[in-house]
Amino acid sequence: LGGSGDERPEHDGDVMNDDEAIEAIATSSVMLGIASARADLFAFRAAR
């Protein structure tokens, strides 16, 4: 959306299992006020 998607240096770190990634995405969505379950699914698919 124009101003979104600003790229910054990537984080280093070990790979995580799917359950950890799903829980991090779902919890963050709640904090961000995102109500759509599609967003969580898309985010997980995009990360994988």
All heavy atoms as atom14 arrays in JSON, in Angstrom:
{
  "sequence": "LGGSGDERPEHDGDVMNDDEAIEAIATSSVMLGIASARADLFAFRAAR",
  "atom14_mask": [
    [1, 1, 1, 1, 1, 1, 1, 1, 0, 0, 0, 0, 0, 0],
    [1, 1, 1, 1, 0, 0, 0, 0, 0, 0, 0, 0, 0, 0],
    [1, 1, 1, 1, 0, 0, 0, 0, 0, 0, 0, 0, 0, 0],
    [1, 1, 1, 1, 1, 1, 0, 0, 0, 0, 0, 0, 0, 0],
    [1, 1, 1, 1, 0, 0, 0, 0, 0, 0, 0, 0, 0, 0],
    [1, 1, 1, 1, 1, 1, 1, 1, 0, 0, 0, 0, 0, 0],
    [1, 1, 1, 1, 1, 1, 1, 1, 1, 0, 0, 0, 0, 0],
    [1, 1, 1, 1, 1, 1, 1, 1, 1, 1, 1, 0, 0, 0],
    [1, 1, 1, 1, 1, 1, 1, 0, 0, 0, 0, 0, 0, 0],
    [1, 1, 1, 1, 1, 1, 1, 1, 1, 0, 0, 0, 0, 0],
    [1, 1, 1, 1, 1, 1, 1, 1, 1, 1, 0, 0, 0, 0],
    [1, 1, 1, 1, 1, 1, 1, 1, 0, 0, 0, 0, 0, 0],
    [1, 1, 1, 1, 0, 0, 0, 0, 0, 0, 0, 0, 0, 0],
    [1, 1, 1, 1, 1, 1, 1, 1, 0, 0, 0, 0, 0, 0],
    [1, 1, 1, 1, 1, 1, 1, 0, 0, 0, 0, 0, 0, 0],
    [1, 1, 1, 1, 1, 1, 1, 1, 0, 0, 0, 0, 0, 0],
    [1, 1, 1, 1, 1, 1, 1, 1, 0, 0, 0, 0, 0, 0],
    [1, 1, 1, 1, 1, 1, 1, 1, 0, 0, 0, 0, 0, 0],
    [1, 1, 1, 1, 1, 1, 1, 1, 0, 0, 0, 0, 0, 0],
    [1, 1, 1, 1, 1, 1, 1, 1, 1, 0, 0, 0, 0, 0],
    [1, 1, 1, 1, 1, 0, 0, 0, 0, 0, 0, 0, 0, 0],
    [1, 1, 1, 1, 1, 1, 1, 1, 0, 0, 0, 0, 0, 0],
    [1, 1, 1, 1, 1, 1, 1, 1, 1, 0, 0, 0, 0, 0],
    [1, 1, 1, 1, 1, 0, 0, 0, 0, 0, 0, 0, 0, 0],
    [1, 1, 1, 1, 1, 1, 1, 1, 0, 0, 0, 0, 0, 0],
    [1, 1, 1, 1, 1, 0, 0, 0, 0, 0, 0, 0, 0, 0],
    [1, 1, 1, 1, 1, 1, 1, 0, 0, 0, 0, 0, 0, 0],
    [1, 1, 1, 1, 1, 1, 0, 0, 0, 0, 0, 0, 0, 0],
    [1, 1, 1, 1, 1, 1, 0, 0, 0, 0, 0, 0, 0, 0],
    [1, 1, 1, 1, 1, 1, 1, 0, 0, 0, 0, 0, 0, 0],
    [1, 1, 1, 1, 1, 1, 1, 1, 0, 0, 0, 0, 0, 0],
    [1, 1, 1, 1, 1, 1, 1, 1, 0, 0, 0, 0, 0, 0],
    [1, 1, 1, 1, 0, 0, 0, 0, 0, 0, 0, 0, 0, 0],
    [1, 1, 1, 1, 1, 1, 1, 1, 0, 0, 0, 0, 0, 0],
    [1, 1, 1, 1, 1, 0, 0, 0, 0, 0, 0, 0, 0, 0],
    [1, 1, 1, 1, 1, 1, 0, 0, 0, 0, 0, 0, 0, 0],
    [1, 1, 1, 1, 1, 0, 0, 0, 0, 0, 0, 0, 0, 0],
    [1, 1, 1, 1, 1, 1, 1, 1, 1, 1, 1, 0, 0, 0],
    [1, 1, 1, 1, 1, 0, 0, 0, 0, 0, 0, 0, 0, 0],
    [1, 1, 1, 1, 1, 1, 1, 1, 0, 0, 0, 0, 0, 0],
    [1, 1, 1, 1, 1, 1, 1, 1, 0, 0, 0, 0, 0, 0],
    [1, 1, 1, 1, 1, 1, 1, 1, 1, 1, 1, 0, 0, 0],
    [1, 1, 1, 1, 1, 0, 0, 0, 0, 0, 0, 0, 0, 0],
    [1, 1, 1, 1, 1, 1, 1, 1, 1, 1, 1, 0, 0, 0],
    [1, 1, 1, 1, 1, 1, 1, 1, 1, 1, 1, 0, 0, 0],
    [1, 1, 1, 1, 1, 0, 0, 0, 0, 0, 0, 0, 0, 0],
    [1, 1, 1, 1, 1, 0, 0, 0, 0, 0, 0, 0, 0, 0],
    [1, 1, 1, 1, 1, 1, 1, 1, 1, 1, 1, 0, 0, 0]
  ],
  "atom14_positions": [
    [[0.82, -1.21, 0.0], [0.0, 0.0, 0.0], [0.85, 1.25, 0.0], [0.62, 2.19, 0.76], [-0.94, -0.01, 1.21], [-1.73, -1.31, 1.42], [-2.67, -1.18, 2.59], [-2.49, -1.68, 0.16], [0.0, 0.0, 0.0], [0.0, 0.0, 0.0], [0.0, 0.0, 0.0], [0.0, 0.0, 0.0], [0.0, 0.0, 0.0], [0.0, 0.0, 0.0]],
    [[1.84, 1.29, -0.84], [2.67, 2.49, -0.93], [3.65, 2.57, 0.21], [4.83, 2.27, 0.09], [0.0, 0.0, 0.0], [0.0, 0.0, 0.0], [0.0, 0.0, 0.0], [0.0, 0.0, 0.0], [0.0, 0.0, 0.0], [0.0, 0.0, 0.0], [0.0, 0.0, 0.0], [0.0, 0.0, 0.0], [0.0, 0.0, 0.0], [0.0, 0.0, 0.0]],
    [[3.17, 3.0, 1.42], [4.07, 3.17, 2.55], [4.35, 1.89, 3.3], [5.14, 1.88, 4.23], [0.0, 0.0, 0.0], [0.0, 0.0, 0.0], [0.0, 0.0, 0.0], [0.0, 0.0, 0.0], [0.0, 0.0, 0.0], [0.0, 0.0, 0.0], [0.0, 0.0, 0.0], [0.0, 0.0, 0.0], [0.0, 0.0, 0.0], [0.0, 0.0, 0.0]],
    [[3.68, 0.77, 2.95], [3.91, -0.46, 3.69], [4.98, -1.3, 3.01], [5.38, -1.06, 1.89], [2.6, -1.26, 3.8], [2.16, -1.63, 2.51], [0.0, 0.0, 0.0], [0.0, 0.0, 0.0], [0.0, 0.0, 0.0], [0.0, 0.0, 0.0], [0.0, 0.0, 0.0], [0.0, 0.0, 0.0], [0.0, 0.0, 0.0], [0.0, 0.0, 0.0]],
    [[5.4, -2.33, 3.71], [6.4, -3.23, 3.13], [7.8, -2.68, 3.18], [8.65, -3.03, 2.37], [0.0, 0.0, 0.0], [0.0, 0.0, 0.0], [0.0, 0.0, 0.0], [0.0, 0.0, 0.0], [0.0, 0.0, 0.0], [0.0, 0.0, 0.0], [0.0, 0.0, 0.0], [0.0, 0.0, 0.0], [0.0, 0.0, 0.0], [0.0, 0.0, 0.0]],
    [[8.11, -1.79, 4.13], [9.44, -1.21, 4.25], [10.42, -2.3, 4.68], [10.23, -2.96, 5.69], [9.4, -0.09, 5.29], [10.72, 0.64, 5.38], [11.5, 0.56, 4.42], [10.97, 1.28, 6.42], [0.0, 0.0, 0.0], [0.0, 0.0, 0.0], [0.0, 0.0, 0.0], [0.0, 0.0, 0.0], [0.0, 0.0, 0.0], [0.0, 0.0, 0.0]],
    [[11.48, -2.46, 3.91], [12.41, -3.56, 4.2], [13.53, -3.09, 5.13], [14.1, -2.02, 4.95], [13.0, -4.08, 2.89], [11.94, -4.67, 1.98], [12.48, -4.98, 0.6], [13.69, -5.22, 0.48], [11.7, -4.96, -0.36], [0.0, 0.0, 0.0], [0.0, 0.0, 0.0], [0.0, 0.0, 0.0], [0.0, 0.0, 0.0], [0.0, 0.0, 0.0]],
    [[13.84, -3.92, 6.09], [14.92, -3.67, 7.04], [15.83, -4.88, 7.07], [15.49, -5.94, 6.57], [14.33, -3.4, 8.43], [13.38, -2.2, 8.48], [14.1, -0.91, 8.17], [13.18, 0.21, 8.06], [12.83, 1.0, 9.08], [13.32, 0.77, 10.28], [12.02, 2.01, 8.89], [0.0, 0.0, 0.0], [0.0, 0.0, 0.0], [0.0, 0.0, 0.0]],
    [[17.01, -4.77, 7.7], [17.89, -5.93, 7.79], [17.17, -7.12, 8.4], [16.42, -6.98, 9.37], [19.03, -5.43, 8.69], [19.03, -3.95, 8.5], [17.61, -3.56, 8.29], [0.0, 0.0, 0.0], [0.0, 0.0, 0.0], [0.0, 0.0, 0.0], [0.0, 0.0, 0.0], [0.0, 0.0, 0.0], [0.0, 0.0, 0.0], [0.0, 0.0, 0.0]],
    [[17.41, -8.31, 7.84], [16.73, -9.51, 8.29], [17.31, -9.99, 9.62], [18.47, -9.76, 9.95], [16.88, -10.63, 7.25], [16.36, -10.25, 5.87], [14.84, -10.22, 5.8], [14.2, -10.33, 6.86], [14.31, -10.08, 4.7], [0.0, 0.0, 0.0], [0.0, 0.0, 0.0], [0.0, 0.0, 0.0], [0.0, 0.0, 0.0], [0.0, 0.0, 0.0]],
    [[16.47, -10.67, 10.39], [16.92, -11.27, 11.65], [17.65, -12.58, 11.35], [17.28, -13.33, 10.47], [15.72, -11.55, 12.55], [15.06, -10.31, 13.07], [15.41, -9.72, 14.25], [14.06, -9.55, 12.55], [14.66, -8.66, 14.47], [13.84, -8.54, 13.45], [0.0, 0.0, 0.0], [0.0, 0.0, 0.0], [0.0, 0.0, 0.0], [0.0, 0.0, 0.0]],
    [[18.68, -12.83, 12.12], [19.33, -14.13, 12.06], [18.72, -15.02, 13.13], [18.23, -14.56, 14.16], [20.83, -13.99, 12.32], [21.51, -13.2, 11.19], [21.08, -13.36, 10.03], [22.45, -12.44, 11.49], [0.0, 0.0, 0.0], [0.0, 0.0, 0.0], [0.0, 0.0, 0.0], [0.0, 0.0, 0.0], [0.0, 0.0, 0.0], [0.0, 0.0, 0.0]],
    [[18.76, -16.31, 12.88], [18.24, -17.22, 13.89], [18.02, -18.61, 13.33], [18.06, -18.82, 12.12], [0.0, 0.0, 0.0], [0.0, 0.0, 0.0], [0.0, 0.0, 0.0], [0.0, 0.0, 0.0], [0.0, 0.0, 0.0], [0.0, 0.0, 0.0], [0.0, 0.0, 0.0], [0.0, 0.0, 0.0], [0.0, 0.0, 0.0], [0.0, 0.0, 0.0]],
    [[17.79, -19.54, 14.22], [17.55, -20.93, 13.82], [16.14, -21.08, 13.28], [15.24, -20.29, 13.57], [17.77, -21.86, 15.01], [19.21, -21.81, 15.51], [20.1, -21.54, 14.68], [19.42, -22.01, 16.72], [0.0, 0.0, 0.0], [0.0, 0.0, 0.0], [0.0, 0.0, 0.0], [0.0, 0.0, 0.0], [0.0, 0.0, 0.0], [0.0, 0.0, 0.0]],
    [[15.96, -22.15, 12.54], [14.62, -22.44, 12.05], [13.75, -22.92, 13.21], [14.25, -23.43, 14.21], [14.65, -23.51, 10.93], [15.42, -23.02, 9.74], [15.22, -24.82, 11.45], [0.0, 0.0, 0.0], [0.0, 0.0, 0.0], [0.0, 0.0, 0.0], [0.0, 0.0, 0.0], [0.0, 0.0, 0.0], [0.0, 0.0, 0.0], [0.0, 0.0, 0.0]],
    [[12.45, -22.72, 13.07], [11.5, -23.11, 14.11], [10.52, -24.12, 13.52], [10.4, -24.24, 12.29], [10.75, -21.87, 14.61], [9.9, -21.2, 13.54], [9.43, -19.5, 13.93], [10.98, -18.64, 13.54], [0.0, 0.0, 0.0], [0.0, 0.0, 0.0], [0.0, 0.0, 0.0], [0.0, 0.0, 0.0], [0.0, 0.0, 0.0], [0.0, 0.0, 0.0]],
    [[9.81, -24.81, 14.37], [8.81, -25.74, 13.85], [7.53, -24.97, 13.51], [7.34, -23.82, 13.92], [8.54, -26.89, 14.82], [7.97, -26.41, 16.15], [7.02, -25.64, 16.2], [8.55, -26.9, 17.25], [0.0, 0.0, 0.0], [0.0, 0.0, 0.0], [0.0, 0.0, 0.0], [0.0, 0.0, 0.0], [0.0, 0.0, 0.0], [0.0, 0.0, 0.0]],
    [[6.64, -25.64, 12.79], [5.43, -24.98, 12.3], [4.54, -24.49, 13.43], [3.96, -23.4, 13.36], [4.63, -25.93, 11.4], [5.3, -26.14, 10.06], [6.3, -25.45, 9.78], [4.82, -26.99, 9.29], [0.0, 0.0, 0.0], [0.0, 0.0, 0.0], [0.0, 0.0, 0.0], [0.0, 0.0, 0.0], [0.0, 0.0, 0.0], [0.0, 0.0, 0.0]],
    [[4.43, -25.27, 14.51], [3.57, -24.88, 15.62], [4.04, -23.58, 16.25], [3.23, -22.72, 16.62], [3.53, -25.98, 16.68], [2.75, -27.21, 16.2], [1.97, -27.05, 15.24], [2.93, -28.29, 16.78], [0.0, 0.0, 0.0], [0.0, 0.0, 0.0], [0.0, 0.0, 0.0], [0.0, 0.0, 0.0], [0.0, 0.0, 0.0], [0.0, 0.0, 0.0]],
    [[5.36, -23.42, 16.39], [5.9, -22.18, 16.96], [5.59, -20.99, 16.06], [5.21, -19.91, 16.53], [7.41, -22.32, 17.16], [7.8, -23.3, 18.25], [9.29, -23.53, 18.31], [9.96, -23.44, 17.25], [9.81, -23.81, 19.4], [0.0, 0.0, 0.0], [0.0, 0.0, 0.0], [0.0, 0.0, 0.0], [0.0, 0.0, 0.0], [0.0, 0.0, 0.0]],
    [[5.76, -21.18, 14.77], [5.5, -20.09, 13.83], [4.02, -19.71, 13.83], [3.66, -18.53, 13.84], [5.94, -20.48, 12.42], [0.0, 0.0, 0.0], [0.0, 0.0, 0.0], [0.0, 0.0, 0.0], [0.0, 0.0, 0.0], [0.0, 0.0, 0.0], [0.0, 0.0, 0.0], [0.0, 0.0, 0.0], [0.0, 0.0, 0.0], [0.0, 0.0, 0.0]],
    [[3.15, -20.71, 13.84], [1.71, -20.45, 13.83], [1.29, -19.7, 15.08], [0.51, -18.74, 15.02], [0.93, -21.79, 13.7], [1.12, -22.37, 12.3], [-0.54, -21.58, 14.0], [0.58, -23.78, 12.14], [0.0, 0.0, 0.0], [0.0, 0.0, 0.0], [0.0, 0.0, 0.0], [0.0, 0.0, 0.0], [0.0, 0.0, 0.0], [0.0, 0.0, 0.0]],
    [[1.83, -20.11, 16.24], [1.45, -19.44, 17.48], [1.95, -18.0, 17.5], [1.24, -17.08, 17.94], [2.0, -20.2, 18.68], [1.55, -19.59, 20.0], [1.84, -20.49, 21.19], [2.25, -21.65, 20.97], [1.65, -20.04, 22.33], [0.0, 0.0, 0.0], [0.0, 0.0, 0.0], [0.0, 0.0, 0.0], [0.0, 0.0, 0.0], [0.0, 0.0, 0.0]],
    [[3.17, -17.76, 16.99], [3.7, -16.39, 16.96], [2.85, -15.51, 16.04], [2.55, -14.35, 16.36], [5.15, -16.4, 16.49], [0.0, 0.0, 0.0], [0.0, 0.0, 0.0], [0.0, 0.0, 0.0], [0.0, 0.0, 0.0], [0.0, 0.0, 0.0], [0.0, 0.0, 0.0], [0.0, 0.0, 0.0], [0.0, 0.0, 0.0], [0.0, 0.0, 0.0]],
    [[2.46, -16.04, 14.89], [1.65, -15.27, 13.95], [0.27, -14.97, 14.53], [-0.22, -13.84, 14.47], [1.53, -16.04, 12.61], [2.87, -16.04, 11.88], [0.43, -15.43, 11.73], [2.91, -16.96, 10.67], [0.0, 0.0, 0.0], [0.0, 0.0, 0.0], [0.0, 0.0, 0.0], [0.0, 0.0, 0.0], [0.0, 0.0, 0.0], [0.0, 0.0, 0.0]],
    [[-0.38, -15.99, 15.12], [-1.73, -15.82, 15.66], [-1.73, -14.8, 16.8], [-2.61, -13.93, 16.87], [-2.28, -17.15, 16.13], [0.0, 0.0, 0.0], [0.0, 0.0, 0.0], [0.0, 0.0, 0.0], [0.0, 0.0, 0.0], [0.0, 0.0, 0.0], [0.0, 0.0, 0.0], [0.0, 0.0, 0.0], [0.0, 0.0, 0.0], [0.0, 0.0, 0.0]],
    [[-0.76, -14.91, 17.7], [-0.7, -13.97, 18.83], [-0.44, -12.55, 18.35], [-1.06, -11.59, 18.82], [0.42, -14.39, 19.81], [0.18, -15.73, 20.24], [0.45, -13.47, 21.02], [0.0, 0.0, 0.0], [0.0, 0.0, 0.0], [0.0, 0.0, 0.0], [0.0, 0.0, 0.0], [0.0, 0.0, 0.0], [0.0, 0.0, 0.0], [0.0, 0.0, 0.0]],
    [[0.43, -12.39, 17.37], [0.72, -11.07, 16.83], [-0.5, -10.48, 16.14], [-0.76, -9.27, 16.24], [1.89, -11.15, 15.85], [3.05, -11.65, 16.48], [0.0, 0.0, 0.0], [0.0, 0.0, 0.0], [0.0, 0.0, 0.0], [0.0, 0.0, 0.0], [0.0, 0.0, 0.0], [0.0, 0.0, 0.0], [0.0, 0.0, 0.0], [0.0, 0.0, 0.0]],
    [[-1.27, -11.31, 15.44], [-2.48, -10.82, 14.77], [-3.47, -10.24, 15.76], [-4.09, -9.21, 15.51], [-3.15, -11.95, 13.97], [-2.37, -12.31, 12.86], [0.0, 0.0, 0.0], [0.0, 0.0, 0.0], [0.0, 0.0, 0.0], [0.0, 0.0, 0.0], [0.0, 0.0, 0.0], [0.0, 0.0, 0.0], [0.0, 0.0, 0.0], [0.0, 0.0, 0.0]],
    [[-3.61, -10.92, 16.91], [-4.51, -10.41, 17.95], [-4.03, -9.06, 18.44], [-4.81, -8.1, 18.62], [-4.61, -11.41, 19.11], [-5.38, -10.81, 20.28], [-5.28, -12.69, 18.64], [0.0, 0.0, 0.0], [0.0, 0.0, 0.0], [0.0, 0.0, 0.0], [0.0, 0.0, 0.0], [0.0, 0.0, 0.0], [0.0, 0.0, 0.0], [0.0, 0.0, 0.0]],
    [[-2.73, -8.93, 18.68], [-2.17, -7.66, 19.15], [-2.36, -6.54, 18.14], [-2.49, -5.37, 18.49], [-0.68, -7.83, 19.45], [-0.38, -8.76, 20.6], [1.41, -8.88, 20.88], [1.45, -10.09, 22.2], [0.0, 0.0, 0.0], [0.0, 0.0, 0.0], [0.0, 0.0, 0.0], [0.0, 0.0, 0.0], [0.0, 0.0, 0.0], [0.0, 0.0, 0.0]],
    [[-2.38, -6.89, 16.86], [-2.51, -5.89, 15.79], [-3.96, -5.61, 15.43], [-4.23, -4.8, 14.55], [-1.75, -6.36, 14.55], [-0.24, -6.51, 14.72], [0.35, -7.3, 13.56], [0.42, -5.14, 14.81], [0.0, 0.0, 0.0], [0.0, 0.0, 0.0], [0.0, 0.0, 0.0], [0.0, 0.0, 0.0], [0.0, 0.0, 0.0], [0.0, 0.0, 0.0]],
    [[-4.9, -6.27, 16.07], [-6.31, -6.05, 15.78], [-6.76, -6.63, 14.45], [-7.7, -6.13, 13.84], [0.0, 0.0, 0.0], [0.0, 0.0, 0.0], [0.0, 0.0, 0.0], [0.0, 0.0, 0.0], [0.0, 0.0, 0.0], [0.0, 0.0, 0.0], [0.0, 0.0, 0.0], [0.0, 0.0, 0.0], [0.0, 0.0, 0.0], [0.0, 0.0, 0.0]],
    [[-6.11, -7.7, 13.99], [-6.47, -8.34, 12.72], [-7.47, -9.44, 13.01], [-7.15, -10.41, 13.68], [-5.22, -8.9, 12.01], [-4.21, -7.78, 11.75], [-5.61, -9.59, 10.72], [-2.88, -8.27, 11.21], [0.0, 0.0, 0.0], [0.0, 0.0, 0.0], [0.0, 0.0, 0.0], [0.0, 0.0, 0.0], [0.0, 0.0, 0.0], [0.0, 0.0, 0.0]],
    [[-8.68, -9.29, 12.49], [-9.75, -10.24, 12.81], [-9.86, -11.38, 11.82], [-10.48, -12.39, 12.11], [-11.09, -9.5, 12.89], [0.0, 0.0, 0.0], [0.0, 0.0, 0.0], [0.0, 0.0, 0.0], [0.0, 0.0, 0.0], [0.0, 0.0, 0.0], [0.0, 0.0, 0.0], [0.0, 0.0, 0.0], [0.0, 0.0, 0.0], [0.0, 0.0, 0.0]],
    [[-9.27, -11.23, 10.65], [-9.45, -12.23, 9.59], [-8.55, -13.44, 9.81], [-7.33, -13.31, 9.96], [-9.15, -11.61, 8.22], [-9.13, -12.6, 7.22], [0.0, 0.0, 0.0], [0.0, 0.0, 0.0], [0.0, 0.0, 0.0], [0.0, 0.0, 0.0], [0.0, 0.0, 0.0], [0.0, 0.0, 0.0], [0.0, 0.0, 0.0], [0.0, 0.0, 0.0]],
    [[-9.15, -14.63, 9.82], [-8.36, -15.86, 9.94], [-7.56, -16.1, 8.66], [-6.52, -16.78, 8.7], [-9.28, -17.05, 10.22], [0.0, 0.0, 0.0], [0.0, 0.0, 0.0], [0.0, 0.0, 0.0], [0.0, 0.0, 0.0], [0.0, 0.0, 0.0], [0.0, 0.0, 0.0], [0.0, 0.0, 0.0], [0.0, 0.0, 0.0], [0.0, 0.0, 0.0]],
    [[-8.04, -15.57, 7.54], [-7.28, -15.72, 6.29], [-5.89, -15.11, 6.42], [-4.92, -15.63, 5.87], [-8.02, -15.02, 5.14], [-9.18, -15.79, 4.56], [-9.58, -15.18, 3.23], [-10.75, -15.81, 2.66], [-11.97, -15.34, 2.76], [-12.18, -14.21, 3.42], [-12.99, -15.95, 2.2], [0.0, 0.0, 0.0], [0.0, 0.0, 0.0], [0.0, 0.0, 0.0]],
    [[-5.79, -13.99, 7.14], [-4.5, -13.31, 7.27], [-3.48, -14.22, 7.95], [-2.32, -14.3, 7.52], [-4.66, -12.01, 8.05], [0.0, 0.0, 0.0], [0.0, 0.0, 0.0], [0.0, 0.0, 0.0], [0.0, 0.0, 0.0], [0.0, 0.0, 0.0], [0.0, 0.0, 0.0], [0.0, 0.0, 0.0], [0.0, 0.0, 0.0], [0.0, 0.0, 0.0]],
    [[-3.89, -14.91, 9.01], [-2.98, -15.84, 9.7], [-2.53, -16.95, 8.75], [-1.34, -17.3, 8.72], [-3.67, -16.45, 10.91], [-3.93, -15.43, 12.01], [-3.68, -14.24, 11.77], [-4.38, -15.83, 13.09], [0.0, 0.0, 0.0], [0.0, 0.0, 0.0], [0.0, 0.0, 0.0], [0.0, 0.0, 0.0], [0.0, 0.0, 0.0], [0.0, 0.0, 0.0]],
    [[-3.48, -17.51, 8.02], [-3.14, -18.59, 7.1], [-2.2, -18.11, 6.0], [-1.2, -18.77, 5.68], [-4.42, -19.17, 6.48], [-4.24, -20.31, 5.47], [-3.53, -21.49, 6.12], [-5.59, -20.73, 4.9], [0.0, 0.0, 0.0], [0.0, 0.0, 0.0], [0.0, 0.0, 0.0], [0.0, 0.0, 0.0], [0.0, 0.0, 0.0], [0.0, 0.0, 0.0]],
    [[-2.5, -16.93, 5.43], [-1.64, -16.38, 4.39], [-0.24, -16.1, 4.93], [0.77, -16.34, 4.25], [-2.24, -15.09, 3.82], [-3.35, -15.3, 2.83], [-4.43, -14.43, 2.79], [-3.31, -16.34, 1.92], [-5.45, -14.6, 1.87], [-4.33, -16.52, 1.0], [-5.41, -15.65, 0.98], [0.0, 0.0, 0.0], [0.0, 0.0, 0.0], [0.0, 0.0, 0.0]],
    [[-0.16, -15.57, 6.16], [1.14, -15.25, 6.74], [1.98, -16.51, 6.93], [3.19, -16.53, 6.65], [0.97, -14.51, 8.06], [0.0, 0.0, 0.0], [0.0, 0.0, 0.0], [0.0, 0.0, 0.0], [0.0, 0.0, 0.0], [0.0, 0.0, 0.0], [0.0, 0.0, 0.0], [0.0, 0.0, 0.0], [0.0, 0.0, 0.0], [0.0, 0.0, 0.0]],
    [[1.35, -17.57, 7.42], [2.08, -18.82, 7.6], [2.54, -19.38, 6.25], [3.7, -19.81, 6.11], [1.2, -19.85, 8.32], [1.82, -21.22, 8.39], [2.92, -21.46, 9.21], [1.33, -22.26, 7.62], [3.51, -22.71, 9.27], [1.9, -23.52, 7.67], [2.99, -23.74, 8.5], [0.0, 0.0, 0.0], [0.0, 0.0, 0.0], [0.0, 0.0, 0.0]],
    [[1.65, -19.38, 5.27], [2.04, -19.88, 3.95], [3.17, -19.04, 3.35], [4.09, -19.58, 2.73], [0.83, -19.85, 3.01], [-0.22, -20.9, 3.32], [-1.42, -20.74, 2.39], [-2.41, -21.79, 2.59], [-3.58, -21.83, 1.96], [-3.9, -20.87, 1.09], [-4.43, -22.81, 2.2], [0.0, 0.0, 0.0], [0.0, 0.0, 0.0], [0.0, 0.0, 0.0]],
    [[3.1, -17.72, 3.54], [4.14, -16.84, 2.99], [5.48, -17.11, 3.65], [6.53, -17.15, 2.99], [3.73, -15.38, 3.17], [0.0, 0.0, 0.0], [0.0, 0.0, 0.0], [0.0, 0.0, 0.0], [0.0, 0.0, 0.0], [0.0, 0.0, 0.0], [0.0, 0.0, 0.0], [0.0, 0.0, 0.0], [0.0, 0.0, 0.0], [0.0, 0.0, 0.0]],
    [[5.47, -17.28, 4.98], [6.72, -17.55, 5.69], [7.33, -18.87, 5.24], [8.54, -18.97, 4.99], [6.46, -17.55, 7.2], [0.0, 0.0, 0.0], [0.0, 0.0, 0.0], [0.0, 0.0, 0.0], [0.0, 0.0, 0.0], [0.0, 0.0, 0.0], [0.0, 0.0, 0.0], [0.0, 0.0, 0.0], [0.0, 0.0, 0.0], [0.0, 0.0, 0.0]],
    [[6.5, -19.91, 5.13], [7.01, -21.22, 4.72], [7.54, -21.17, 3.29], [8.62, -21.7, 3.0], [5.91, -22.27, 4.84], [6.3, -23.62, 4.27], [5.37, -24.72, 4.72], [5.71, -25.17, 6.07], [6.74, -25.96, 6.33], [7.55, -26.36, 5.35], [6.99, -26.37, 7.55], [0.0, 0.0, 0.0], [0.0, 0.0, 0.0], [0.0, 0.0, 0.0]]
  ]
}
